[in-house]
Amino acid sequence: MWILATTILASSMAFIDSTVVNVALPAIQSHFHSSVADVQWVVESYGVLLGALILVGGSLGDLFGRRRVFIAGVGLFAAASAACGMASNIQQLIIARSVQGVGAALLVPGSLAIISVSFDEESRGRAIGTWYGFTSITTAIGPVLGGWLVEHASWRWAFLLNLPLAFAVMAIAAWRIPETRSAAAQRVDWWGALLATAGLGGLVGGLIESIALGWKHPLVVGSLLVGVGSLVAFGFVEARVASPMVPPSLFRSRSFSGANLLTLFLYAAVGIFFFLFPLDLIQVQNYSATAAGAAMLPLILLLFLLSRWSGGLVSVYGPRLPLIIGPLVAAAGFILFAIPAVGGDYWKTFFPAVLVLGLGMAITVAPLTTVVMNSIDEDRAGTASGINNAVARVAGVLAVAVLGIVMVSAFASRLDQRLATLGLPSGTMRQIQADENKLAGLQVPRGPGQDADAAIKRSIGEAFVFGFRIVMLICTLLSVASAVVAWLMIPTGQQISGRVSAAHNHPASG
């Protein structure tokens, strides 16, 4: 009872934070008068370190004690949350979010590891199911609660909300969770962790900063070279070290490789969607933060309600058919998101799209995780699950960086076309163009007049929708690519034991 309560609270804290931050982004951008690159860094600084270090977090728990590392992760996450809530500029917020990512990398793998070693084989499935159920509920509530706090208090409470939860988790864990560690634990792959972090950070940094600095800027070129060089070196190191955090031998399994490639494509689409959609709702469609948080509730509830049913599809049809159909349904959802313009009733515009995307993800998530867990030997299940979890998070990080460039370029091009027809003074045009990297957070300059103000605001909204549609169509292609990967690489008759819950790849967990 105490073990479940502690792990549920801790996981909920990390999951809620990921979803709440997306809803808070427009308020953060407005408060600090930030560009979209700054807003991207608020998301990416967390995602890069979590994606790069989550496998190391699991290894540290096995080596030094799961409870000890878990509590350390919660404490670090809480301290970073306090720093986020008190940040006086966007740079401080980004640094604090980076530290949050390190804390999450320690606590997230610890939650299921503690459950796995604390329950016997007979009761473990029910315990994981309970964990998944409650974390799904809190994940669904998180954006609504966070939106209400952003709207009625401050975006800072989206982070400060973590503090009472963290103190409760640390107290209960120290009091009620026994310490465990792995007798077979090996050395931590520090070189792999360092190169993965430098590789992801360099690649993402170069892509994001290219929006403002251009591709030829020394910082952009240097960052991209460091990123690519580090990732190449990471591959060489993992092939040679005694205890690699990403064992290359696992990818000899065709179905494991296929499942991770499918994850990369699909979760790239999901990652950029969850980044841009709240900006669209709040800055363009004029939703309140609470309404924007509630807009995604149907998707999360569908995942929760249909996960057991979708897991059963594998035993009836095998894994390949659900992993073809699910991404194709998700692709239809992304197409529906590309249709609405500015304005319109939620139930007629975004609700159908949310339902279809939620159905597609619900069909996909459980079979995908089951394929991952059954593609390799049981004694390596934890490593396989961690790799797939990391791939899902890295996919989102890279998508926000790469497709963020597409979004800004499309927005700026369309806005320039629209403004050219308005006959604005050259000074006003230059001022607007200088701020185009703020997307819909762009403020209308003073002076053009009431009619011109309204026309500029309309043009900004229409330009954002134009860019959003292009990105949603790219997300559609990524989802279709996921289905093609399943068709080509996932076997039809793979035996399924369904040992592990699909919760860790929940898209809302960020």
Protein backbone atom coordinates (compact mmCIF):
# COMPACT_ATOMS: atom_id res chain seq x y z
CA MET A 1 0.00 0.00 0.00
CA TRP A 2 2.67 2.54 1.04
CA ILE A 3 4.98 1.49 -1.79
CA LEU A 4 2.24 1.95 -4.39
CA ALA A 5 1.18 5.29 -2.91
CA THR A 6 4.76 6.58 -2.98
CA THR A 7 5.54 5.50 -6.53
CA ILE A 8 2.19 6.79 -7.81
CA LEU A 9 2.75 10.20 -6.19
CA ALA A 10 6.29 10.45 -7.56
CA SER A 11 5.38 9.39 -11.10
CA SER A 12 2.34 11.66 -11.06
CA MET A 13 4.58 14.56 -10.10
CA ALA A 14 6.79 14.01 -13.14
CA PHE A 15 3.89 13.31 -15.50
CA ILE A 16 1.83 16.29 -14.31
CA ASP A 17 4.81 18.58 -14.66
CA SER A 18 5.31 17.62 -18.30
CA THR A 19 1.68 18.25 -19.26
CA VAL A 20 1.22 21.37 -17.12
CA VAL A 21 4.33 23.05 -18.55
CA ASN A 22 2.90 22.84 -22.08
CA VAL A 23 -0.27 24.63 -20.92
CA ALA A 24 1.85 27.23 -19.10
CA LEU A 25 4.11 27.99 -22.09
CA PRO A 26 2.01 30.86 -23.51
CA ALA A 27 1.95 32.57 -20.09
CA ILE A 28 5.71 32.03 -19.68
CA GLN A 29 6.37 33.45 -23.15
CA SER A 30 4.20 36.48 -22.43
CA HIS A 31 5.72 37.06 -18.97
CA PHE A 32 9.33 37.04 -20.18
CA HIS A 33 8.59 38.45 -23.70
CA SER A 34 10.42 35.42 -25.07
CA SER A 35 11.00 34.11 -28.57
CA VAL A 36 9.80 30.66 -29.59
CA ALA A 37 13.44 29.47 -29.28
CA ASP A 38 13.39 30.40 -25.57
CA VAL A 39 10.09 28.58 -25.14
CA GLN A 40 11.52 25.56 -26.97
CA TRP A 41 14.44 25.52 -24.52
CA VAL A 42 12.01 25.42 -21.56
CA VAL A 43 10.76 22.11 -22.96
CA GLU A 44 13.98 20.83 -24.53
CA SER A 45 16.37 21.42 -21.61
CA TYR A 46 14.21 19.07 -19.54
CA GLY A 47 13.71 16.55 -22.34
CA VAL A 48 17.37 16.33 -23.41
CA LEU A 49 18.66 15.44 -19.95
CA LEU A 50 15.76 13.11 -19.15
CA GLY A 51 16.10 11.28 -22.47
CA ALA A 52 19.89 11.02 -22.25
CA LEU A 53 20.11 10.01 -18.57
CA ILE A 54 17.04 7.88 -17.91
CA LEU A 55 18.97 4.65 -18.56
CA VAL A 56 21.75 5.83 -16.24
CA GLY A 57 19.12 6.54 -13.58
CA GLY A 58 18.00 2.93 -13.67
CA SER A 59 21.60 1.69 -13.48
CA LEU A 60 22.39 3.93 -10.51
CA GLY A 61 19.39 2.52 -8.65
CA ASP A 62 20.52 -1.05 -9.28
CA LEU A 63 24.05 -0.21 -8.15
CA PHE A 64 23.64 2.14 -5.18
CA GLY A 65 20.15 1.28 -3.96
CA ARG A 66 16.82 1.92 -5.61
CA ARG A 67 15.25 3.76 -2.66
CA ARG A 68 18.30 5.98 -2.19
CA VAL A 69 18.48 7.03 -5.85
CA PHE A 70 14.71 7.40 -6.02
CA ILE A 71 14.65 9.77 -3.02
CA ALA A 72 17.63 11.69 -4.42
CA GLY A 73 15.77 12.12 -7.71
CA VAL A 74 12.61 13.35 -5.99
CA GLY A 75 14.63 15.78 -3.86
CA LEU A 76 16.50 17.14 -6.88
CA PHE A 77 13.25 17.43 -8.83
CA ALA A 78 11.66 19.36 -5.95
CA ALA A 79 14.60 21.74 -5.56
CA ALA A 80 14.59 22.41 -9.31
CA SER A 81 10.81 22.94 -9.25
CA ALA A 82 11.25 25.60 -6.57
CA ALA A 83 13.94 27.25 -8.70
CA CYS A 84 11.60 27.17 -11.73
CA GLY A 85 8.83 28.78 -9.70
CA MET A 86 11.13 31.58 -8.51
CA ALA A 87 13.00 32.20 -11.80
CA SER A 88 13.40 35.91 -12.52
CA ASN A 89 14.31 35.48 -16.20
CA ILE A 90 13.97 32.90 -18.94
CA GLN A 91 17.63 31.80 -18.64
CA GLN A 92 17.17 30.88 -14.96
CA LEU A 93 14.02 28.95 -15.85
CA ILE A 94 15.84 26.98 -18.56
CA ILE A 95 18.70 26.09 -16.19
CA ALA A 96 16.25 24.99 -13.48
CA ARG A 97 14.35 22.87 -16.04
CA SER A 98 17.64 21.16 -16.94
CA VAL A 99 18.13 20.19 -13.29
CA GLN A 100 14.51 18.98 -13.22
CA GLY A 101 15.35 16.68 -16.12
CA VAL A 102 18.23 15.12 -14.15
CA GLY A 103 15.93 14.60 -11.15
CA ALA A 104 13.27 13.00 -13.34
CA ALA A 105 15.90 10.68 -14.87
CA LEU A 106 16.56 9.35 -11.37
CA LEU A 107 12.97 9.05 -10.13
CA VAL A 108 11.08 7.84 -13.24
CA PRO A 109 12.89 4.49 -13.71
CA GLY A 110 12.94 4.03 -9.94
CA SER A 111 9.14 3.98 -9.65
CA LEU A 112 8.52 0.79 -11.62
CA ALA A 113 11.79 -0.77 -10.43
CA ILE A 114 10.67 -0.42 -6.80
CA ILE A 115 7.27 -1.94 -7.64
CA SER A 116 8.90 -4.80 -9.56
CA VAL A 117 11.15 -5.83 -6.66
CA SER A 118 8.56 -5.19 -3.92
CA PHE A 119 5.78 -7.46 -5.22
CA ASP A 120 5.90 -11.15 -6.06
CA GLU A 121 5.17 -12.37 -9.56
CA GLU A 122 1.54 -13.13 -8.76
CA SER A 123 0.66 -9.64 -7.45
CA ARG A 124 3.08 -7.60 -9.57
CA GLY A 125 0.72 -7.30 -12.54
CA ARG A 126 -2.09 -5.93 -10.36
CA ALA A 127 0.31 -3.50 -8.69
CA ILE A 128 1.57 -2.17 -12.04
CA GLY A 129 -2.03 -1.94 -13.27
CA THR A 130 -2.97 0.09 -10.19
CA TRP A 131 0.07 2.32 -10.73
CA TYR A 132 -0.90 2.88 -14.35
CA GLY A 133 -4.54 3.60 -13.52
CA PHE A 134 -3.81 6.23 -10.89
CA THR A 135 -1.00 7.90 -12.84
CA SER A 136 -3.34 8.10 -15.86
CA ILE A 137 -5.98 9.83 -13.72
CA THR A 138 -3.47 12.33 -12.34
CA THR A 139 -2.05 12.90 -15.81
CA ALA A 140 -5.58 13.71 -17.02
CA ILE A 141 -6.27 16.06 -14.11
CA GLY A 142 -2.87 17.76 -14.34
CA PRO A 143 -3.44 20.02 -17.39
CA VAL A 144 -6.84 21.17 -16.10
CA LEU A 145 -5.51 21.93 -12.63
CA GLY A 146 -2.39 23.53 -14.08
CA GLY A 147 -4.44 25.58 -16.51
CA TRP A 148 -6.63 26.82 -13.66
CA LEU A 149 -3.55 27.80 -11.64
CA VAL A 150 -2.01 29.59 -14.64
CA GLU A 151 -5.27 31.42 -15.28
CA HIS A 152 -6.22 32.34 -11.71
CA ALA A 153 -2.85 32.51 -9.92
CA SER A 154 0.42 32.36 -11.87
CA TRP A 155 2.36 30.07 -14.18
CA ARG A 156 4.83 29.74 -11.29
CA TRP A 157 2.37 27.50 -9.43
CA ALA A 158 2.65 24.96 -12.22
CA PHE A 159 6.10 24.25 -10.73
CA LEU A 160 5.53 25.05 -7.05
CA LEU A 161 2.69 22.52 -7.02
CA ASN A 162 5.39 19.82 -7.01
CA LEU A 163 6.82 20.77 -3.61
CA PRO A 164 4.17 19.32 -1.23
CA LEU A 165 3.98 16.16 -3.36
CA ALA A 166 7.77 15.76 -3.28
CA PHE A 167 8.01 16.20 0.50
CA ALA A 168 5.26 13.59 1.01
CA VAL A 169 7.02 11.15 -1.35
CA MET A 170 10.42 11.53 0.36
CA ALA A 171 8.92 11.12 3.83
CA ILE A 172 6.93 7.99 2.96
CA ALA A 173 9.81 6.47 0.96
CA ALA A 174 12.29 6.93 3.81
CA TRP A 175 9.77 5.52 6.29
CA ARG A 176 8.11 2.66 4.43
CA ILE A 177 10.14 1.51 1.38
CA PRO A 178 12.92 -1.00 2.09
CA GLU A 179 16.25 -0.54 0.33
CA THR A 180 17.05 -2.93 -2.52
CA ARG A 181 19.83 -3.18 -5.07
CA SER A 182 20.79 -5.61 -7.80
CA ALA A 183 23.28 -8.32 -6.94
CA ALA A 184 24.27 -8.45 -10.60
CA ALA A 185 24.58 -4.68 -11.06
CA GLN A 186 27.49 -3.62 -13.22
CA ARG A 187 29.39 -0.38 -13.65
CA VAL A 188 27.58 2.74 -14.81
CA ASP A 189 28.31 3.71 -18.42
CA TRP A 190 29.45 7.28 -17.65
CA TRP A 191 31.10 7.78 -21.04
CA GLY A 192 27.90 6.74 -22.78
CA ALA A 193 25.85 9.10 -20.63
CA LEU A 194 28.22 12.01 -21.27
CA LEU A 195 28.31 11.45 -25.04
CA ALA A 196 24.52 10.95 -25.27
CA THR A 197 23.93 14.21 -23.38
CA ALA A 198 26.49 16.15 -25.46
CA GLY A 199 25.14 14.64 -28.66
CA LEU A 200 21.50 15.43 -27.99
CA GLY A 201 22.28 18.81 -26.45
CA GLY A 202 24.54 19.86 -29.31
CA LEU A 203 22.14 18.73 -32.01
CA VAL A 204 19.07 20.30 -30.38
CA GLY A 205 20.96 23.48 -29.48
CA GLY A 206 22.20 24.01 -33.02
CA LEU A 207 18.74 23.43 -34.50
CA ILE A 208 16.96 25.77 -32.09
CA GLU A 209 19.50 28.59 -32.28
CA SER A 210 19.54 28.43 -36.09
CA ILE A 211 16.12 30.14 -36.05
CA ALA A 212 17.58 33.38 -34.69
CA LEU A 213 21.26 33.15 -35.68
CA GLY A 214 21.13 31.45 -39.09
CA TRP A 215 22.82 28.25 -40.24
CA LYS A 216 26.24 29.84 -40.85
CA HIS A 217 26.68 31.30 -37.36
CA PRO A 218 29.75 29.79 -35.58
CA LEU A 219 27.67 28.84 -32.52
CA VAL A 220 25.16 26.94 -34.66
CA VAL A 221 27.83 25.20 -36.76
CA GLY A 222 29.92 24.34 -33.69
CA SER A 223 26.93 23.06 -31.76
CA LEU A 224 25.81 20.82 -34.63
CA LEU A 225 29.35 19.46 -35.11
CA VAL A 226 29.64 18.67 -31.39
CA GLY A 227 26.22 16.99 -31.47
CA VAL A 228 26.86 14.81 -34.50
CA GLY A 229 30.43 13.98 -33.41
CA SER A 230 29.28 13.00 -29.92
CA LEU A 231 26.52 10.75 -31.25
CA VAL A 232 28.96 9.01 -33.61
CA ALA A 233 31.39 8.54 -30.71
CA PHE A 234 28.49 7.24 -28.59
CA GLY A 235 27.92 4.45 -31.11
CA PHE A 236 31.60 3.43 -31.00
CA VAL A 237 31.73 3.55 -27.18
CA GLU A 238 28.57 1.45 -26.75
CA ALA A 239 30.03 -1.22 -29.03
CA ARG A 240 33.20 -1.48 -26.93
CA VAL A 241 32.47 -0.86 -23.23
CA ALA A 242 31.83 -3.79 -20.91
CA SER A 243 28.48 -2.50 -19.58
CA PRO A 244 26.87 -0.29 -22.26
CA MET A 245 23.69 1.56 -21.34
CA VAL A 246 22.39 0.82 -24.87
CA PRO A 247 23.64 -2.70 -25.72
CA PRO A 248 23.96 -2.93 -29.53
CA SER A 249 23.18 -6.65 -29.36
CA LEU A 250 19.53 -5.87 -28.55
CA PHE A 251 19.07 -4.33 -31.99
CA ARG A 252 19.88 -7.63 -33.66
CA SER A 253 16.24 -8.42 -32.97
CA ARG A 254 14.32 -7.22 -36.02
CA SER A 255 11.12 -6.68 -34.04
CA PHE A 256 12.94 -4.71 -31.30
CA SER A 257 14.57 -2.46 -33.91
CA GLY A 258 11.25 -2.07 -35.70
CA ALA A 259 9.40 -1.21 -32.50
CA ASN A 260 11.93 1.50 -31.65
CA LEU A 261 11.89 2.95 -35.17
CA LEU A 262 8.09 3.03 -35.02
CA THR A 263 8.37 4.76 -31.61
CA LEU A 264 10.79 7.34 -33.02
CA PHE A 265 8.44 8.35 -35.86
CA LEU A 266 5.17 8.28 -33.93
CA TYR A 267 6.40 10.02 -30.79
CA ALA A 268 8.13 12.68 -32.87
CA ALA A 269 4.67 13.55 -34.21
CA VAL A 270 3.13 13.45 -30.74
CA GLY A 271 5.95 15.54 -29.25
CA ILE A 272 5.63 18.51 -31.62
CA PHE A 273 1.84 18.31 -31.40
CA PHE A 274 1.82 18.66 -27.61
CA PHE A 275 4.22 21.60 -27.94
CA LEU A 276 2.26 23.59 -30.54
CA PHE A 277 -1.37 22.74 -29.72
CA PRO A 278 -1.57 24.70 -26.42
CA LEU A 279 0.00 27.72 -28.19
CA ASP A 280 -2.68 27.46 -30.87
CA LEU A 281 -5.51 27.16 -28.35
CA ILE A 282 -4.41 29.98 -26.04
CA GLN A 283 -2.68 32.49 -28.32
CA VAL A 284 -4.72 32.03 -31.52
CA GLN A 285 -8.08 30.50 -30.59
CA ASN A 286 -8.32 32.57 -27.37
CA TYR A 287 -8.99 29.64 -25.05
CA SER A 288 -8.36 30.17 -21.36
CA ALA A 289 -5.50 28.16 -19.87
CA THR A 290 -8.06 25.99 -18.05
CA ALA A 291 -9.99 25.28 -21.24
CA ALA A 292 -6.76 24.50 -23.10
CA GLY A 293 -5.82 22.01 -20.37
CA ALA A 294 -9.24 20.39 -20.58
CA ALA A 295 -9.15 20.17 -24.39
CA MET A 296 -6.86 17.13 -24.31
CA LEU A 297 -8.81 15.25 -21.61
CA PRO A 298 -10.64 12.98 -24.09
CA LEU A 299 -7.31 11.72 -25.51
CA ILE A 300 -5.90 10.82 -22.10
CA LEU A 301 -9.16 9.22 -20.95
CA LEU A 302 -9.31 7.11 -24.13
CA LEU A 303 -5.79 5.87 -23.47
CA PHE A 304 -6.77 4.96 -19.92
CA LEU A 305 -10.09 3.29 -20.78
CA LEU A 306 -8.93 1.36 -23.85
CA SER A 307 -5.44 0.22 -22.81
CA ARG A 308 -6.62 -3.16 -21.52
CA TRP A 309 -8.73 -3.72 -24.64
CA SER A 310 -5.88 -2.79 -26.98
CA GLY A 311 -3.52 -5.10 -25.09
CA GLY A 312 -5.99 -7.92 -25.80
CA LEU A 313 -5.85 -7.23 -29.54
CA VAL A 314 -2.34 -8.66 -29.61
CA SER A 315 -3.40 -12.08 -28.38
CA VAL A 316 -6.18 -12.22 -31.00
CA TYR A 317 -4.57 -10.65 -34.06
CA GLY A 318 -0.84 -10.61 -33.25
CA PRO A 319 1.12 -7.36 -32.83
CA ARG A 320 1.53 -6.26 -36.44
CA LEU A 321 -2.10 -5.48 -37.30
CA PRO A 322 -2.74 -3.15 -34.30
CA LEU A 323 0.62 -1.45 -34.95
CA ILE A 324 -0.40 -0.77 -38.55
CA ILE A 325 -3.97 0.34 -37.81
CA GLY A 326 -3.16 2.43 -34.70
CA PRO A 327 -0.69 4.83 -36.38
CA LEU A 328 -2.97 5.12 -39.43
CA VAL A 329 -5.87 6.17 -37.18
CA ALA A 330 -3.50 8.63 -35.45
CA ALA A 331 -2.58 9.97 -38.92
CA ALA A 332 -6.27 10.62 -39.57
CA GLY A 333 -6.38 12.52 -36.27
CA PHE A 334 -3.48 14.76 -37.33
CA ILE A 335 -5.27 15.48 -40.63
CA LEU A 336 -8.35 16.56 -38.67
CA PHE A 337 -6.18 18.92 -36.58
CA ALA A 338 -5.03 20.56 -39.82
CA ILE A 339 -8.58 21.54 -40.83
CA PRO A 340 -9.78 24.18 -38.28
CA ALA A 341 -9.06 27.84 -38.99
CA VAL A 342 -9.23 30.68 -36.43
CA GLY A 343 -12.41 30.53 -34.36
CA GLY A 344 -15.15 27.93 -34.21
CA ASP A 345 -16.70 25.79 -31.51
CA TYR A 346 -14.39 23.24 -29.81
CA TRP A 347 -16.89 20.40 -30.23
CA LYS A 348 -17.02 20.94 -34.00
CA THR A 349 -13.36 21.77 -34.61
CA PHE A 350 -10.86 20.08 -32.28
CA PHE A 351 -12.95 17.52 -30.36
CA PRO A 352 -13.32 15.06 -33.28
CA ALA A 353 -9.57 15.32 -33.94
CA VAL A 354 -8.75 14.71 -30.25
CA LEU A 355 -10.99 11.61 -30.25
CA VAL A 356 -9.47 10.13 -33.41
CA LEU A 357 -5.87 10.80 -32.29
CA GLY A 358 -6.67 9.34 -28.86
CA LEU A 359 -8.15 6.21 -30.44
CA GLY A 360 -5.09 5.78 -32.66
CA MET A 361 -2.70 6.10 -29.71
CA ALA A 362 -4.84 3.78 -27.57
CA ILE A 363 -4.69 1.09 -30.27
CA THR A 364 -0.91 1.50 -30.55
CA VAL A 365 0.58 1.99 -27.07
CA ALA A 366 -0.06 -1.37 -25.36
CA PRO A 367 0.83 -3.57 -28.38
CA LEU A 368 3.97 -1.48 -28.96
CA THR A 369 5.22 -1.96 -25.42
CA THR A 370 4.33 -5.66 -25.54
CA VAL A 371 6.41 -6.13 -28.70
CA VAL A 372 9.36 -4.35 -27.07
CA MET A 373 9.19 -6.55 -23.99
CA ASN A 374 8.83 -9.79 -25.94
CA SER A 375 11.52 -9.09 -28.53
CA ILE A 376 14.36 -9.86 -26.15
CA ASP A 377 15.21 -12.23 -23.31
CA GLU A 378 13.33 -11.72 -20.06
CA ASP A 379 16.47 -10.90 -18.07
CA ARG A 380 17.03 -7.85 -20.31
CA ALA A 381 13.42 -6.62 -20.19
CA GLY A 382 14.28 -3.66 -17.97
CA THR A 383 16.99 -2.44 -20.32
CA ALA A 384 14.72 -2.90 -23.36
CA SER A 385 11.89 -0.96 -21.70
CA GLY A 386 14.28 1.82 -20.71
CA ILE A 387 15.68 2.11 -24.24
CA ASN A 388 12.18 2.34 -25.74
CA ASN A 389 11.22 4.92 -23.11
CA ALA A 390 14.33 6.96 -23.96
CA VAL A 391 13.62 6.70 -27.71
CA ALA A 392 10.08 8.06 -27.15
CA ARG A 393 11.42 11.04 -25.21
CA VAL A 394 14.30 11.74 -27.60
CA ALA A 395 11.85 11.62 -30.52
CA GLY A 396 9.82 14.41 -28.96
CA VAL A 397 12.93 16.47 -28.19
CA LEU A 398 14.21 16.23 -31.78
CA ALA A 399 10.77 16.94 -33.27
CA VAL A 400 10.35 20.15 -31.28
CA ALA A 401 13.79 21.28 -32.47
CA VAL A 402 13.45 20.29 -36.15
CA LEU A 403 9.76 21.01 -36.76
CA GLY A 404 10.05 24.18 -34.69
CA ILE A 405 12.22 25.50 -37.53
CA VAL A 406 9.54 24.50 -40.06
CA MET A 407 6.86 26.21 -37.99
CA VAL A 408 8.76 29.49 -37.63
CA SER A 409 9.70 29.56 -41.34
CA ALA A 410 6.14 28.87 -42.50
CA PHE A 411 4.72 31.43 -40.04
CA ALA A 412 7.15 34.16 -41.07
CA SER A 413 6.65 33.54 -44.80
CA ARG A 414 2.86 33.61 -44.55
CA LEU A 415 2.81 36.64 -42.25
CA ASP A 416 5.07 38.62 -44.58
CA GLN A 417 2.69 37.84 -47.46
CA ARG A 418 -0.34 38.97 -45.49
CA LEU A 419 1.27 42.14 -44.15
CA ALA A 420 2.43 43.16 -47.63
CA THR A 421 -1.23 43.67 -48.58
CA LEU A 422 -1.96 45.99 -45.64
CA GLY A 423 0.18 48.95 -46.66
CA LEU A 424 1.84 49.32 -43.26
CA PRO A 425 4.61 51.87 -42.57
CA SER A 426 8.09 50.43 -43.18
CA GLY A 427 9.06 50.93 -39.53
CA THR A 428 6.07 48.91 -38.36
CA MET A 429 6.87 46.15 -40.86
CA ARG A 430 10.48 45.93 -39.69
CA GLN A 431 9.39 45.79 -36.04
CA ILE A 432 6.96 42.95 -36.70
CA GLN A 433 9.46 41.00 -38.82
CA ALA A 434 12.09 41.32 -36.08
CA ASP A 435 9.70 39.55 -33.67
CA GLU A 436 8.40 36.84 -36.01
CA ASN A 437 10.33 34.21 -34.04
CA LYS A 438 7.78 34.73 -31.22
CA LEU A 439 5.08 33.15 -33.42
CA ALA A 440 1.57 34.00 -32.14
CA GLY A 441 3.13 35.55 -29.03
CA LEU A 442 4.15 38.47 -31.25
CA GLN A 443 2.86 41.78 -29.91
CA VAL A 444 1.30 44.29 -32.33
CA PRO A 445 3.42 47.48 -32.40
CA ARG A 446 1.80 50.67 -31.17
CA GLY A 447 0.70 53.30 -33.63
CA PRO A 448 -0.76 51.76 -36.81
CA GLY A 449 -4.37 52.50 -35.75
CA GLN A 450 -7.32 50.42 -34.58
CA ASP A 451 -8.24 48.95 -37.97
CA ALA A 452 -4.61 48.14 -38.77
CA ASP A 453 -4.17 46.56 -35.31
CA ALA A 454 -7.11 44.24 -35.94
CA ALA A 455 -5.79 43.35 -39.41
CA ILE A 456 -2.31 42.59 -38.04
CA LYS A 457 -3.77 40.39 -35.27
CA ARG A 458 -5.85 38.51 -37.84
CA SER A 459 -2.79 38.04 -40.01
CA ILE A 460 -0.75 36.69 -37.06
CA GLY A 461 -3.47 34.17 -36.22
CA GLU A 462 -3.85 33.07 -39.84
CA ALA A 463 -0.08 32.74 -40.24
CA PHE A 464 0.14 30.54 -37.13
CA VAL A 465 -2.68 28.32 -38.42
CA PHE A 466 -0.89 28.05 -41.78
CA GLY A 467 2.31 26.86 -40.10
CA PHE A 468 0.39 24.57 -37.72
CA ARG A 469 -1.34 22.92 -40.68
CA ILE A 470 1.99 22.21 -42.39
CA VAL A 471 3.40 20.67 -39.19
CA MET A 472 0.24 18.56 -38.71
CA LEU A 473 0.60 17.23 -42.27
CA ILE A 474 4.22 16.31 -41.49
CA CYS A 475 2.94 14.56 -38.34
CA THR A 476 0.52 12.67 -40.60
CA LEU A 477 3.45 11.48 -42.75
CA LEU A 478 5.40 10.44 -39.63
CA SER A 479 2.42 8.40 -38.43
CA VAL A 480 2.05 6.73 -41.80
CA ALA A 481 5.80 5.97 -41.73
CA SER A 482 5.23 4.28 -38.35
CA ALA A 483 2.58 2.05 -39.89
CA VAL A 484 4.94 1.17 -42.78
CA VAL A 485 7.67 0.23 -40.29
CA ALA A 486 5.20 -2.06 -38.48
CA TRP A 487 4.20 -3.67 -41.78
CA LEU A 488 7.82 -4.29 -42.80
CA MET A 489 9.50 -5.15 -39.47
CA ILE A 490 6.98 -6.43 -36.91
CA PRO A 491 6.23 -10.17 -37.16
CA THR A 492 2.63 -11.37 -37.43
CA GLY A 493 2.74 -14.37 -35.11
CA GLN A 494 4.95 -13.22 -32.23
CA GLN A 495 4.03 -14.91 -28.96
CA ILE A 496 2.79 -12.46 -26.37
CA SER A 497 3.05 -12.78 -22.61
CA GLY A 498 2.02 -9.20 -21.74
CA ARG A 499 4.41 -8.95 -18.78
CA VAL A 500 4.72 -5.19 -18.64
CA SER A 501 2.31 -2.25 -18.61
CA ALA A 502 2.40 0.29 -21.42
CA ALA A 503 2.40 3.21 -19.02
CA HIS A 504 5.96 4.32 -19.51
CA ASN A 505 5.38 5.34 -23.09
CA HIS A 506 2.32 7.40 -22.30
CA PRO A 507 2.62 10.40 -24.62
CA ALA A 508 1.49 12.80 -21.94
CA SER A 509 4.36 11.82 -19.74
CA GLY A 510 6.54 14.05 -21.82
